[in-house]
């Protein structure tokens, strides 16, 4: 689990996703940072065991705004 502190363009195009996963989110109140968005992804359908939390990222308000800007610029 990690609070994202920076979000910058990477180099190279990467590769397409190998599988799809489900995700959940919750909004938590942090006394020092305000609201935090926590996104949890769960293992893909190819996983042999039942799905369990796989990746967790957390965004504070400032980073959420930056992500929205990136999404608008790159995808929307």
N, C-alpha and C. Protein backbone atom coordinates (compact mmCIF):
# COMPACT_ATOMS: atom_id res chain seq x y z
N UNK A 1 0.85 -1.15 0.00
CA UNK A 1 0.00 0.00 0.00
C UNK A 1 0.90 1.22 0.00
N UNK A 2 0.61 2.18 -0.87
CA UNK A 2 1.49 3.34 -0.96
C UNK A 2 0.71 4.57 -1.39
N UNK A 3 1.00 5.70 -0.74
CA UNK A 3 0.45 6.98 -1.14
C UNK A 3 1.32 7.52 -2.27
N UNK A 4 0.72 7.77 -3.41
CA UNK A 4 1.49 8.28 -4.55
C UNK A 4 1.90 9.72 -4.27
N UNK A 5 3.20 10.00 -4.36
CA UNK A 5 3.70 11.34 -4.07
C UNK A 5 4.07 12.12 -5.32
N UNK A 6 4.25 11.42 -6.45
CA UNK A 6 4.54 12.11 -7.70
C UNK A 6 3.95 11.31 -8.85
N UNK A 7 3.68 12.00 -9.94
CA UNK A 7 3.12 11.35 -11.13
C UNK A 7 3.65 12.10 -12.35
N UNK A 8 4.61 11.49 -13.01
CA UNK A 8 5.27 12.10 -14.16
C UNK A 8 5.20 11.16 -15.35
N UNK A 9 5.27 11.70 -16.58
CA UNK A 9 5.26 10.82 -17.76
C UNK A 9 6.47 9.89 -17.74
N UNK A 10 6.24 8.65 -18.13
CA UNK A 10 7.33 7.69 -18.24
C UNK A 10 7.87 7.67 -19.66
N UNK A 11 8.97 6.98 -19.85
CA UNK A 11 9.57 6.85 -21.18
C UNK A 11 9.15 5.52 -21.78
N UNK A 12 8.96 5.50 -23.06
CA UNK A 12 8.57 4.27 -23.74
C UNK A 12 7.07 4.05 -23.66
N UNK A 13 6.58 3.19 -24.52
CA UNK A 13 5.16 2.95 -24.61
C UNK A 13 4.64 1.85 -23.72
N UNK A 14 5.53 1.05 -23.16
CA UNK A 14 5.07 -0.07 -22.34
C UNK A 14 4.47 -1.16 -23.20
N UNK A 15 3.64 -2.00 -22.59
CA UNK A 15 2.99 -3.08 -23.32
C UNK A 15 1.52 -3.10 -22.94
N UNK A 16 0.68 -3.67 -23.80
CA UNK A 16 -0.74 -3.75 -23.47
C UNK A 16 -0.96 -4.66 -22.26
N UNK A 17 -2.07 -4.45 -21.53
CA UNK A 17 -2.35 -5.31 -20.37
C UNK A 17 -2.50 -6.77 -20.79
N UNK A 18 -2.04 -7.68 -19.94
CA UNK A 18 -2.16 -9.11 -20.21
C UNK A 18 -3.51 -9.65 -19.75
N UNK A 19 -4.12 -9.01 -18.78
CA UNK A 19 -5.40 -9.48 -18.25
C UNK A 19 -6.17 -8.30 -17.68
N UNK A 20 -7.40 -8.57 -17.30
CA UNK A 20 -8.24 -7.57 -16.65
C UNK A 20 -8.44 -7.98 -15.20
N UNK A 21 -8.65 -6.99 -14.33
CA UNK A 21 -8.90 -7.27 -12.92
C UNK A 21 -10.06 -6.41 -12.44
N UNK A 22 -10.62 -6.78 -11.32
CA UNK A 22 -11.64 -5.96 -10.66
C UNK A 22 -10.95 -5.08 -9.63
N UNK A 23 -11.63 -3.99 -9.26
CA UNK A 23 -11.08 -3.08 -8.27
C UNK A 23 -12.19 -2.52 -7.40
N UNK A 24 -11.81 -2.11 -6.20
CA UNK A 24 -12.72 -1.40 -5.30
C UNK A 24 -12.04 -0.12 -4.87
N UNK A 25 -12.83 0.82 -4.37
CA UNK A 25 -12.23 2.03 -3.81
C UNK A 25 -12.97 2.44 -2.54
N UNK A 26 -12.27 3.09 -1.67
CA UNK A 26 -12.84 3.70 -0.47
C UNK A 26 -12.19 5.06 -0.29
N UNK A 27 -12.93 5.97 0.34
CA UNK A 27 -12.39 7.28 0.69
C UNK A 27 -12.25 7.32 2.20
N UNK A 28 -11.04 7.62 2.66
CA UNK A 28 -10.75 7.66 4.09
C UNK A 28 -10.40 9.09 4.49
N UNK A 29 -10.65 9.44 5.73
CA UNK A 29 -10.24 10.73 6.26
C UNK A 29 -8.94 10.56 7.03
N UNK A 30 -7.90 11.27 6.61
CA UNK A 30 -6.61 11.26 7.29
C UNK A 30 -6.49 12.58 8.04
N UNK A 31 -6.20 12.57 9.33
CA UNK A 31 -6.15 13.82 10.09
C UNK A 31 -5.07 14.78 9.60
N UNK A 32 -4.05 14.28 8.90
CA UNK A 32 -2.96 15.14 8.45
C UNK A 32 -3.06 15.50 6.97
N UNK A 33 -3.67 14.64 6.16
CA UNK A 33 -3.69 14.85 4.71
C UNK A 33 -5.08 15.11 4.16
N UNK A 34 -6.11 15.02 4.97
CA UNK A 34 -7.48 15.17 4.47
C UNK A 34 -7.98 13.86 3.89
N UNK A 35 -8.82 13.96 2.89
CA UNK A 35 -9.38 12.75 2.29
C UNK A 35 -8.34 12.03 1.45
N UNK A 36 -8.35 10.70 1.55
CA UNK A 36 -7.45 9.84 0.78
C UNK A 36 -8.31 8.84 0.02
N UNK A 37 -8.08 8.72 -1.29
CA UNK A 37 -8.74 7.72 -2.11
C UNK A 37 -7.85 6.49 -2.16
N UNK A 38 -8.39 5.35 -1.75
CA UNK A 38 -7.65 4.08 -1.75
C UNK A 38 -8.26 3.17 -2.80
N UNK A 39 -7.47 2.76 -3.78
CA UNK A 39 -7.92 1.86 -4.85
C UNK A 39 -7.20 0.53 -4.68
N UNK A 40 -7.99 -0.55 -4.61
CA UNK A 40 -7.44 -1.89 -4.45
C UNK A 40 -7.83 -2.72 -5.66
N UNK A 41 -6.84 -3.34 -6.32
CA UNK A 41 -7.14 -4.27 -7.41
C UNK A 41 -7.04 -5.69 -6.87
N UNK A 42 -7.75 -6.58 -7.55
CA UNK A 42 -7.81 -7.98 -7.13
C UNK A 42 -7.25 -8.86 -8.24
N UNK A 43 -6.72 -10.00 -7.88
CA UNK A 43 -6.08 -10.90 -8.84
C UNK A 43 -6.96 -11.20 -10.04
N UNK A 44 -6.32 -11.47 -11.15
CA UNK A 44 -7.03 -11.73 -12.41
C UNK A 44 -7.75 -13.08 -12.36
N UNK A 45 -8.60 -13.31 -13.35
CA UNK A 45 -9.33 -14.57 -13.46
C UNK A 45 -8.38 -15.75 -13.66
N UNK A 46 -7.17 -15.48 -14.14
CA UNK A 46 -6.20 -16.56 -14.38
C UNK A 46 -5.56 -17.06 -13.08
N UNK A 47 -5.74 -16.32 -11.99
CA UNK A 47 -5.17 -16.73 -10.70
C UNK A 47 -5.81 -18.04 -10.26
N UNK A 48 -5.01 -18.95 -9.76
CA UNK A 48 -5.52 -20.26 -9.35
C UNK A 48 -6.36 -20.18 -8.08
N UNK A 49 -5.93 -19.36 -7.13
CA UNK A 49 -6.71 -19.20 -5.90
C UNK A 49 -7.80 -18.15 -6.13
N UNK A 50 -8.71 -18.05 -5.20
CA UNK A 50 -9.76 -17.04 -5.36
C UNK A 50 -9.14 -15.65 -5.32
N UNK A 51 -9.81 -14.67 -5.92
CA UNK A 51 -9.23 -13.33 -5.97
C UNK A 51 -8.93 -12.77 -4.58
N UNK A 52 -7.78 -12.14 -4.45
CA UNK A 52 -7.41 -11.47 -3.21
C UNK A 52 -6.74 -10.15 -3.58
N UNK A 53 -6.67 -9.21 -2.63
CA UNK A 53 -6.05 -7.92 -2.96
C UNK A 53 -4.66 -8.11 -3.55
N UNK A 54 -4.41 -7.38 -4.64
CA UNK A 54 -3.16 -7.52 -5.37
C UNK A 54 -2.33 -6.24 -5.29
N UNK A 55 -2.89 -5.14 -5.75
CA UNK A 55 -2.20 -3.85 -5.74
C UNK A 55 -3.09 -2.85 -5.00
N UNK A 56 -2.48 -1.95 -4.23
CA UNK A 56 -3.22 -0.90 -3.54
C UNK A 56 -2.47 0.41 -3.78
N UNK A 57 -3.19 1.42 -4.24
CA UNK A 57 -2.60 2.75 -4.34
C UNK A 57 -3.50 3.73 -3.61
N UNK A 58 -2.90 4.79 -3.11
CA UNK A 58 -3.65 5.81 -2.39
C UNK A 58 -3.30 7.18 -2.98
N UNK A 59 -4.32 8.02 -3.09
CA UNK A 59 -4.15 9.37 -3.63
C UNK A 59 -4.72 10.38 -2.66
N UNK A 60 -3.93 11.42 -2.34
CA UNK A 60 -4.51 12.53 -1.59
C UNK A 60 -5.16 13.48 -2.58
N UNK A 61 -5.75 14.56 -2.09
CA UNK A 61 -6.50 15.45 -2.97
C UNK A 61 -5.63 16.05 -4.08
N UNK A 62 -4.44 16.48 -3.74
CA UNK A 62 -3.56 17.08 -4.74
C UNK A 62 -3.19 16.11 -5.85
N UNK A 63 -2.86 14.88 -5.48
CA UNK A 63 -2.49 13.89 -6.48
C UNK A 63 -3.71 13.44 -7.28
N UNK A 64 -4.88 13.40 -6.65
CA UNK A 64 -6.10 13.06 -7.38
C UNK A 64 -6.37 14.11 -8.45
N UNK A 65 -6.18 15.38 -8.12
CA UNK A 65 -6.36 16.45 -9.12
C UNK A 65 -5.38 16.28 -10.28
N UNK A 66 -4.14 15.94 -9.96
CA UNK A 66 -3.14 15.74 -11.01
C UNK A 66 -3.52 14.56 -11.90
N UNK A 67 -4.00 13.48 -11.30
CA UNK A 67 -4.43 12.32 -12.08
C UNK A 67 -5.61 12.68 -12.98
N UNK A 68 -6.55 13.46 -12.48
CA UNK A 68 -7.68 13.91 -13.30
C UNK A 68 -7.17 14.71 -14.49
N UNK A 69 -6.20 15.59 -14.27
CA UNK A 69 -5.61 16.37 -15.37
C UNK A 69 -4.98 15.45 -16.41
N UNK A 70 -4.23 14.45 -15.96
CA UNK A 70 -3.61 13.49 -16.89
C UNK A 70 -4.68 12.74 -17.67
N UNK A 71 -5.71 12.26 -16.99
CA UNK A 71 -6.78 11.53 -17.66
C UNK A 71 -7.47 12.39 -18.71
N UNK A 72 -7.75 13.64 -18.37
CA UNK A 72 -8.39 14.54 -19.35
C UNK A 72 -7.48 14.76 -20.56
N UNK A 73 -6.21 14.97 -20.31
CA UNK A 73 -5.27 15.26 -21.39
C UNK A 73 -4.99 14.03 -22.26
N UNK A 74 -4.86 12.87 -21.65
CA UNK A 74 -4.41 11.69 -22.37
C UNK A 74 -5.52 10.77 -22.88
N UNK A 75 -6.64 10.71 -22.18
CA UNK A 75 -7.66 9.72 -22.53
C UNK A 75 -9.03 10.29 -22.89
N UNK A 76 -9.37 11.44 -22.38
CA UNK A 76 -10.74 11.94 -22.57
C UNK A 76 -10.85 12.98 -23.66
